[in-house]
Amino acid sequence: MAIKKKTGLFAIGITVAAFLFIIVAFCTPYWLQNDEKIENPQFIRIGLWEACFVNFEDFRHQYDYRFTGCWWVFEEEYYIIHDFLLPGFFIATQFFFTLCTTLLLVGLCLTWMYCFCSRDHDKYILLLLSNGSNLILSGVFGIIACLIFGINGDRRDWMPNWQHNSLGFSFAFACIGSLLLFPAGTLFIIEARKANYRRLASSQPPSQYNIEMPKSTHTDI
């Protein structure tokens, strides 16, 4: 690993921390969960890609089928309740958080390149600016996803027993990870600015001044 300044090291550390939070939030089914304070809850928990029910049936009673267990949200078993299970706000949450995660994976690759990139490389500053901008954009998408789900996820017309449902740790991790992307991206941009100043300073030739002491015209008589 090339020697890095403190700003770069902090940027790397925060990026890795953000990645861990976001990848856990992306993969775990605890965005919304039941508080287990009622007997025989039909809804257990849901994440971006998995939903868990116990003897859950369609609210409209159009089908007698009861859903039990944890399934992929796009599973064929859930086809008959897709309009209920996957409302517009949930699809939007999936979309924006997937963009956030995808850009973060790109940012992780750029961060890996930065770890081994010399400060004298021609594309060093471009790498820093690209990574910083990419991480900030990823954070924007993550915050949008969190806002959409935070406003709509616990509403009373979605999952049963809404008064016993609460936002879970996956949602909290998504918020924390998304917020961490902003300082991470900002630090990479700051490091790019510092590197640009160093490069400009080193490219300027040193000034040479010939200072000659004036000869004294005073004579002692």
C-alpha atoms as a PDB file:
ATOM      1  CA  MET A   1       0.000   0.000   0.000  1.00  0.00           C
ATOM      2  CA  ALA A   2       1.303   3.440  -0.938  1.00  0.00           C
ATOM      3  CA  ILE A   3       1.858   5.872   1.928  1.00  0.00           C
ATOM      4  CA  LYS A   4      -1.306   7.926   2.527  1.00  0.00           C
ATOM      5  CA  LYS A   5      -2.054  11.076   4.444  1.00  0.00           C
ATOM      6  CA  LYS A   6      -4.415  11.063   7.420  1.00  0.00           C
ATOM      7  CA  THR A   7      -7.248  12.401   5.260  1.00  0.00           C
ATOM      8  CA  GLY A   8      -6.914   9.476   2.877  1.00  0.00           C
ATOM      9  CA  LEU A   9      -6.738   6.936   5.688  1.00  0.00           C
ATOM     10  CA  PHE A  10      -9.891   8.319   7.302  1.00  0.00           C
ATOM     11  CA  ALA A  11     -11.631   8.242   3.912  1.00  0.00           C
ATOM     12  CA  ILE A  12     -10.698   4.577   3.447  1.00  0.00           C
ATOM     13  CA  GLY A  13     -11.861   3.635   6.942  1.00  0.00           C
ATOM     14  CA  ILE A  14     -15.217   5.408   6.632  1.00  0.00           C
ATOM     15  CA  THR A  15     -15.817   3.887   3.184  1.00  0.00           C
ATOM     16  CA  VAL A  16     -15.235   0.370   4.528  1.00  0.00           C
ATOM     17  CA  ALA A  17     -17.528   1.052   7.511  1.00  0.00           C
ATOM     18  CA  ALA A  18     -20.259   2.386   5.203  1.00  0.00           C
ATOM     19  CA  PHE A  19     -19.923  -0.691   3.004  1.00  0.00           C
ATOM     20  CA  LEU A  20     -20.376  -3.038   5.972  1.00  0.00           C
ATOM     21  CA  PHE A  21     -23.505  -1.226   7.168  1.00  0.00           C
ATOM     22  CA  ILE A  22     -25.054  -1.033   3.712  1.00  0.00           C
ATOM     23  CA  ILE A  23     -24.312  -4.606   2.655  1.00  0.00           C
ATOM     24  CA  VAL A  24     -25.897  -5.893   5.891  1.00  0.00           C
ATOM     25  CA  ALA A  25     -28.955  -3.688   5.320  1.00  0.00           C
ATOM     26  CA  PHE A  26     -29.173  -4.818   1.697  1.00  0.00           C
ATOM     27  CA  CYS A  27     -29.109  -8.528   2.538  1.00  0.00           C
ATOM     28  CA  THR A  28     -31.003  -8.855   5.842  1.00  0.00           C
ATOM     29  CA  PRO A  29     -34.828  -8.976   6.151  1.00  0.00           C
ATOM     30  CA  TYR A  30     -35.277  -6.636   9.108  1.00  0.00           C
ATOM     31  CA  TRP A  31     -36.382  -3.359   7.564  1.00  0.00           C
ATOM     32  CA  LEU A  32     -39.794  -3.747   9.218  1.00  0.00           C
ATOM     33  CA  GLN A  33     -40.572  -6.298  11.910  1.00  0.00           C
ATOM     34  CA  ASN A  34     -43.219  -7.290  14.425  1.00  0.00           C
ATOM     35  CA  ASP A  35     -42.499  -6.412  18.049  1.00  0.00           C
ATOM     36  CA  GLU A  36     -43.742  -9.876  19.187  1.00  0.00           C
ATOM     37  CA  LYS A  37     -46.099  -8.314  21.758  1.00  0.00           C
ATOM     38  CA  ILE A  38     -49.184  -9.933  20.266  1.00  0.00           C
ATOM     39  CA  GLU A  39     -50.139 -13.576  20.036  1.00  0.00           C
ATOM     40  CA  ASN A  40     -50.015 -15.337  16.687  1.00  0.00           C
ATOM     41  CA  PRO A  41     -48.868 -12.412  14.527  1.00  0.00           C
ATOM     42  CA  GLN A  42     -49.431 -12.969  10.813  1.00  0.00           C
ATOM     43  CA  PHE A  43     -46.593 -10.665   9.807  1.00  0.00           C
ATOM     44  CA  ILE A  44     -43.089 -11.395  11.164  1.00  0.00           C
ATOM     45  CA  ARG A  45     -40.621  -9.272   9.209  1.00  0.00           C
ATOM     46  CA  ILE A  46     -39.704  -7.983   5.779  1.00  0.00           C
ATOM     47  CA  GLY A  47     -36.545  -6.802   4.075  1.00  0.00           C
ATOM     48  CA  LEU A  48     -35.821  -5.594   0.585  1.00  0.00           C
ATOM     49  CA  TRP A  49     -35.818  -9.122  -0.804  1.00  0.00           C
ATOM     50  CA  GLU A  50     -37.485 -11.395   1.743  1.00  0.00           C
ATOM     51  CA  ALA A  51     -40.794 -11.448   3.616  1.00  0.00           C
ATOM     52  CA  CYS A  52     -41.810 -13.701   6.502  1.00  0.00           C
ATOM     53  CA  PHE A  53     -45.419 -14.551   7.434  1.00  0.00           C
ATOM     54  CA  VAL A  54     -47.311 -17.022   9.603  1.00  0.00           C
ATOM     55  CA  ASN A  55     -50.756 -18.060   8.341  1.00  0.00           C
ATOM     56  CA  PHE A  56     -51.094 -14.825   6.449  1.00  0.00           C
ATOM     57  CA  GLU A  57     -53.985 -14.530   4.012  1.00  0.00           C
ATOM     58  CA  ASP A  58     -55.092 -11.910   1.535  1.00  0.00           C
ATOM     59  CA  PHE A  59     -56.925  -9.022   3.233  1.00  0.00           C
ATOM     60  CA  ARG A  60     -59.555  -9.024   0.487  1.00  0.00           C
ATOM     61  CA  HIS A  61     -60.206 -12.738   1.057  1.00  0.00           C
ATOM     62  CA  GLN A  62     -60.043 -13.369  -2.661  1.00  0.00           C
ATOM     63  CA  TYR A  63     -57.857 -16.427  -2.024  1.00  0.00           C
ATOM     64  CA  ASP A  64     -58.008 -19.080   0.665  1.00  0.00           C
ATOM     65  CA  TYR A  65     -54.272 -19.710   0.498  1.00  0.00           C
ATOM     66  CA  ARG A  66     -52.315 -18.937   3.678  1.00  0.00           C
ATOM     67  CA  PHE A  67     -48.667 -17.947   3.538  1.00  0.00           C
ATOM     68  CA  THR A  68     -46.256 -19.314   6.123  1.00  0.00           C
ATOM     69  CA  GLY A  69     -42.470 -19.016   6.162  1.00  0.00           C
ATOM     70  CA  CYS A  70     -39.849 -16.729   4.678  1.00  0.00           C
ATOM     71  CA  TRP A  71     -39.815 -16.289   0.930  1.00  0.00           C
ATOM     72  CA  TRP A  72     -38.170 -14.150  -1.715  1.00  0.00           C
ATOM     73  CA  VAL A  73     -40.521 -11.223  -2.363  1.00  0.00           C
ATOM     74  CA  PHE A  74     -40.669 -12.092  -6.077  1.00  0.00           C
ATOM     75  CA  GLU A  75     -41.344 -15.747  -5.377  1.00  0.00           C
ATOM     76  CA  GLU A  76     -44.107 -17.322  -7.441  1.00  0.00           C
ATOM     77  CA  GLU A  77     -45.919 -18.198  -4.205  1.00  0.00           C
ATOM     78  CA  TYR A  78     -46.432 -14.479  -3.546  1.00  0.00           C
ATOM     79  CA  TYR A  79     -47.702 -13.706  -7.035  1.00  0.00           C
ATOM     80  CA  ILE A  80     -51.341 -13.419  -5.979  1.00  0.00           C
ATOM     81  CA  ILE A  81     -50.541 -10.740  -3.385  1.00  0.00           C
ATOM     82  CA  HIS A  82     -47.905  -8.802  -5.324  1.00  0.00           C
ATOM     83  CA  ASP A  83     -50.102  -5.702  -5.490  1.00  0.00           C
ATOM     84  CA  PHE A  84     -50.265  -5.700  -1.685  1.00  0.00           C
ATOM     85  CA  LEU A  85     -46.778  -6.978  -0.919  1.00  0.00           C
ATOM     86  CA  LEU A  86     -44.954  -4.728  -3.397  1.00  0.00           C
ATOM     87  CA  PRO A  87     -46.564  -1.277  -3.352  1.00  0.00           C
ATOM     88  CA  GLY A  88     -45.000   1.601  -5.259  1.00  0.00           C
ATOM     89  CA  PHE A  89     -43.040   2.985  -2.312  1.00  0.00           C
ATOM     90  CA  PHE A  90     -41.453  -0.418  -1.659  1.00  0.00           C
ATOM     91  CA  ILE A  91     -40.383  -0.805  -5.307  1.00  0.00           C
ATOM     92  CA  ALA A  92     -38.914   2.715  -5.150  1.00  0.00           C
ATOM     93  CA  THR A  93     -37.007   1.792  -1.974  1.00  0.00           C
ATOM     94  CA  GLN A  94     -35.593  -1.302  -3.664  1.00  0.00           C
ATOM     95  CA  PHE A  95     -34.621   0.724  -6.738  1.00  0.00           C
ATOM     96  CA  PHE A  96     -32.818   3.562  -4.970  1.00  0.00           C
ATOM     97  CA  PHE A  97     -31.078   1.349  -2.421  1.00  0.00           C
ATOM     98  CA  THR A  98     -29.902  -0.983  -5.184  1.00  0.00           C
ATOM     99  CA  LEU A  99     -28.414   2.043  -6.956  1.00  0.00           C
ATOM    100  CA  CYS A 100     -26.765   3.048  -3.678  1.00  0.00           C
ATOM    101  CA  THR A 101     -25.265  -0.418  -3.187  1.00  0.00           C
ATOM    102  CA  THR A 102     -24.105  -0.698  -6.804  1.00  0.00           C
ATOM    103  CA  LEU A 103     -22.347   2.677  -6.713  1.00  0.00           C
ATOM    104  CA  LEU A 104     -20.800   1.774  -3.368  1.00  0.00           C
ATOM    105  CA  LEU A 105     -19.353  -1.406  -4.890  1.00  0.00           C
ATOM    106  CA  VAL A 106     -17.839   0.755  -7.635  1.00  0.00           C
ATOM    107  CA  GLY A 107     -16.532   3.092  -4.935  1.00  0.00           C
ATOM    108  CA  LEU A 108     -15.004   0.170  -3.080  1.00  0.00           C
ATOM    109  CA  CYS A 109     -13.099  -0.817  -6.225  1.00  0.00           C
ATOM    110  CA  LEU A 110     -11.908   2.778  -6.697  1.00  0.00           C
ATOM    111  CA  THR A 111     -10.876   2.903  -3.040  1.00  0.00           C
ATOM    112  CA  TRP A 112      -8.876  -0.299  -3.525  1.00  0.00           C
ATOM    113  CA  MET A 113      -7.135   1.294  -6.522  1.00  0.00           C
ATOM    114  CA  TYR A 114      -6.433   4.402  -4.442  1.00  0.00           C
ATOM    115  CA  CYS A 115      -4.756   2.297  -1.735  1.00  0.00           C
ATOM    116  CA  PHE A 116      -2.067   1.196  -4.198  1.00  0.00           C
ATOM    117  CA  CYS A 117      -1.919   4.267  -6.425  1.00  0.00           C
ATOM    118  CA  SER A 118       1.108   6.525  -6.238  1.00  0.00           C
ATOM    119  CA  ARG A 119       0.565  10.230  -5.681  1.00  0.00           C
ATOM    120  CA  ASP A 120       2.769  10.845  -8.722  1.00  0.00           C
ATOM    121  CA  HIS A 121       0.450   8.964 -11.074  1.00  0.00           C
ATOM    122  CA  ASP A 122      -1.123  11.082 -13.824  1.00  0.00           C
ATOM    123  CA  LYS A 123      -4.664   9.916 -12.922  1.00  0.00           C
ATOM    124  CA  TYR A 124      -4.253  10.166  -9.155  1.00  0.00           C
ATOM    125  CA  ILE A 125      -6.326  13.346  -8.764  1.00  0.00           C
ATOM    126  CA  LEU A 126      -8.945  12.115 -11.233  1.00  0.00           C
ATOM    127  CA  LEU A 127      -9.237   8.884  -9.229  1.00  0.00           C
ATOM    128  CA  LEU A 128      -9.846  10.800  -6.005  1.00  0.00           C
ATOM    129  CA  LEU A 129     -12.424  13.132  -7.544  1.00  0.00           C
ATOM    130  CA  SER A 130     -14.248  10.273  -9.244  1.00  0.00           C
ATOM    131  CA  ASN A 131     -14.374   8.217  -6.070  1.00  0.00           C
ATOM    132  CA  GLY A 132     -15.502  11.127  -3.921  1.00  0.00           C
ATOM    133  CA  SER A 133     -18.283  12.119  -6.323  1.00  0.00           C
ATOM    134  CA  ASN A 134     -19.370   8.495  -6.716  1.00  0.00           C
ATOM    135  CA  LEU A 135     -19.630   7.945  -2.952  1.00  0.00           C
ATOM    136  CA  ILE A 136     -21.611  11.145  -2.400  1.00  0.00           C
ATOM    137  CA  LEU A 137     -24.032  10.182  -5.180  1.00  0.00           C
ATOM    138  CA  SER A 138     -24.358   6.736  -3.612  1.00  0.00           C
ATOM    139  CA  GLY A 139     -25.193   8.394  -0.297  1.00  0.00           C
ATOM    140  CA  VAL A 140     -27.869  10.536  -1.965  1.00  0.00           C
ATOM    141  CA  PHE A 141     -29.581   7.449  -3.382  1.00  0.00           C
ATOM    142  CA  GLY A 142     -29.320   5.681  -0.025  1.00  0.00           C
ATOM    143  CA  ILE A 143     -30.894   8.605   1.841  1.00  0.00           C
ATOM    144  CA  ILE A 144     -33.726   8.788  -0.702  1.00  0.00           C
ATOM    145  CA  ALA A 145     -34.426   5.071  -0.151  1.00  0.00           C
ATOM    146  CA  CYS A 146     -34.375   5.492   3.638  1.00  0.00           C
ATOM    147  CA  LEU A 147     -36.697   8.496   3.522  1.00  0.00           C
ATOM    148  CA  ILE A 148     -39.194   6.695   1.296  1.00  0.00           C
ATOM    149  CA  PHE A 149     -39.287   3.616   3.513  1.00  0.00           C
ATOM    150  CA  GLY A 150     -39.154   5.562   6.761  1.00  0.00           C
ATOM    151  CA  ILE A 151     -42.227   7.588   5.779  1.00  0.00           C
ATOM    152  CA  ASN A 152     -44.284   4.730   4.325  1.00  0.00           C
ATOM    153  CA  GLY A 153     -42.978   1.499   5.834  1.00  0.00           C
ATOM    154  CA  ASP A 154     -44.985   1.633   9.044  1.00  0.00           C
ATOM    155  CA  ARG A 155     -48.224   2.950   7.622  1.00  0.00           C
ATOM    156  CA  ARG A 156     -51.427   1.248   8.719  1.00  0.00           C
ATOM    157  CA  ASP A 157     -52.620   0.143   5.271  1.00  0.00           C
ATOM    158  CA  TRP A 158     -49.630  -2.061   4.477  1.00  0.00           C
ATOM    159  CA  MET A 159     -48.677  -4.868   6.865  1.00  0.00           C
ATOM    160  CA  PRO A 160     -51.183  -6.345   9.387  1.00  0.00           C
ATOM    161  CA  ASN A 161     -51.120  -5.229  13.036  1.00  0.00           C
ATOM    162  CA  TRP A 162     -49.366  -2.019  12.042  1.00  0.00           C
ATOM    163  CA  GLN A 163     -49.414  -0.761  15.656  1.00  0.00           C
ATOM    164  CA  HIS A 164     -47.107  -3.647  16.605  1.00  0.00           C
ATOM    165  CA  ASN A 165     -44.686  -3.172  13.718  1.00  0.00           C
ATOM    166  CA  SER A 166     -41.508  -1.146  13.954  1.00  0.00           C
ATOM    167  CA  LEU A 167     -38.542  -0.286  11.798  1.00  0.00           C
ATOM    168  CA  GLY A 168     -35.767  -2.826  12.320  1.00  0.00           C
ATOM    169  CA  PHE A 169     -31.990  -2.820  12.507  1.00  0.00           C
ATOM    170  CA  SER A 170     -31.614  -3.336   8.746  1.00  0.00           C
ATOM    171  CA  PHE A 171     -33.299   0.032   8.191  1.00  0.00           C
ATOM    172  CA  ALA A 172     -31.104   1.618  10.875  1.00  0.00           C
ATOM    173  CA  PHE A 173     -27.976   0.202   9.235  1.00  0.00           C
ATOM    174  CA  ALA A 174     -29.135   1.543   5.869  1.00  0.00           C
ATOM    175  CA  CYS A 175     -29.482   5.037   7.344  1.00  0.00           C
ATOM    176  CA  ILE A 176     -26.095   4.919   9.095  1.00  0.00           C
ATOM    177  CA  GLY A 177     -24.290   3.547   6.043  1.00  0.00           C
ATOM    178  CA  SER A 178     -25.865   6.107   3.721  1.00  0.00           C
ATOM    179  CA  LEU A 179     -24.916   8.990   6.006  1.00  0.00           C
ATOM    180  CA  LEU A 180     -21.319   7.739   6.293  1.00  0.00           C
ATOM    181  CA  LEU A 181     -20.928   7.944   2.522  1.00  0.00           C
ATOM    182  CA  PHE A 182     -21.074  11.743   2.622  1.00  0.00           C
ATOM    183  CA  PRO A 183     -17.994  12.314   4.840  1.00  0.00           C
ATOM    184  CA  ALA A 184     -16.185   9.513   2.987  1.00  0.00           C
ATOM    185  CA  GLY A 185     -16.772  11.156  -0.392  1.00  0.00           C
ATOM    186  CA  THR A 186     -15.970  14.613   0.975  1.00  0.00           C
ATOM    187  CA  LEU A 187     -12.641  13.416   2.387  1.00  0.00           C
ATOM    188  CA  PHE A 188     -11.627  11.962  -0.974  1.00  0.00           C
ATOM    189  CA  ILE A 189     -12.431  15.288  -2.662  1.00  0.00           C
ATOM    190  CA  ILE A 190     -10.453  17.179   0.004  1.00  0.00           C
ATOM    191  CA  GLU A 191      -7.516  14.841  -0.556  1.00  0.00           C
ATOM    192  CA  ALA A 192      -7.765  15.496  -4.307  1.00  0.00           C
ATOM    193  CA  ARG A 193      -7.645  19.230  -3.684  1.00  0.00           C
ATOM    194  CA  LYS A 194      -4.605  18.879  -1.443  1.00  0.00           C
ATOM    195  CA  ALA A 195      -2.884  16.684  -4.020  1.00  0.00           C
ATOM    196  CA  ASN A 196      -3.594  19.281  -6.699  1.00  0.00           C
ATOM    197  CA  TYR A 197      -2.059  22.042  -4.550  1.00  0.00           C
ATOM    198  CA  ARG A 198       1.026  19.911  -3.923  1.00  0.00           C
ATOM    199  CA  ARG A 199       1.372  19.206  -7.621  1.00  0.00           C
ATOM    200  CA  LEU A 200       1.066  22.880  -8.541  1.00  0.00           C
ATOM    201  CA  ALA A 201       3.586  23.870  -5.888  1.00  0.00           C
ATOM    202  CA  SER A 202       6.119  21.305  -7.090  1.00  0.00           C
ATOM    203  CA  SER A 203       5.720  22.310 -10.740  1.00  0.00           C
ATOM    204  CA  GLN A 204       6.674  25.942 -10.145  1.00  0.00           C
ATOM    205  CA  PRO A 205      10.433  26.675 -10.422  1.00  0.00           C
ATOM    206  CA  PRO A 206      11.990  28.106  -7.296  1.00  0.00           C
ATOM    207  CA  SER A 207      12.399  31.854  -7.370  1.00  0.00           C
ATOM    208  CA  GLN A 208      15.964  33.133  -7.317  1.00  0.00           C
ATOM    209  CA  TYR A 209      16.731  36.540  -6.055  1.00  0.00           C
ATOM    210  CA  ASN A 210      20.229  38.044  -6.249  1.00  0.00           C
ATOM    211  CA  ILE A 211      20.356  40.399  -3.353  1.00  0.00           C
ATOM    212  CA  GLU A 212      23.414  42.622  -3.402  1.00  0.00           C
ATOM    213  CA  MET A 213      24.230  44.843  -0.507  1.00  0.00           C
ATOM    214  CA  PRO A 214      24.666  48.415  -1.724  1.00  0.00           C
ATOM    215  CA  LYS A 215      28.178  49.759  -1.320  1.00  0.00           C
ATOM    216  CA  SER A 216      28.533  52.477   1.194  1.00  0.00           C
ATOM    217  CA  THR A 217      29.537  55.849  -0.187  1.00  0.00           C
ATOM    218  CA  HIS A 218      30.318  57.214   3.214  1.00  0.00           C
ATOM    219  CA  THR A 219      33.979  57.857   3.970  1.00  0.00           C
ATOM    220  CA  ASP A 220      35.492  58.723   7.269  1.00  0.00           C
ATOM    221  CA  ILE A 221      37.477  61.953   7.202  1.00  0.00           C
END
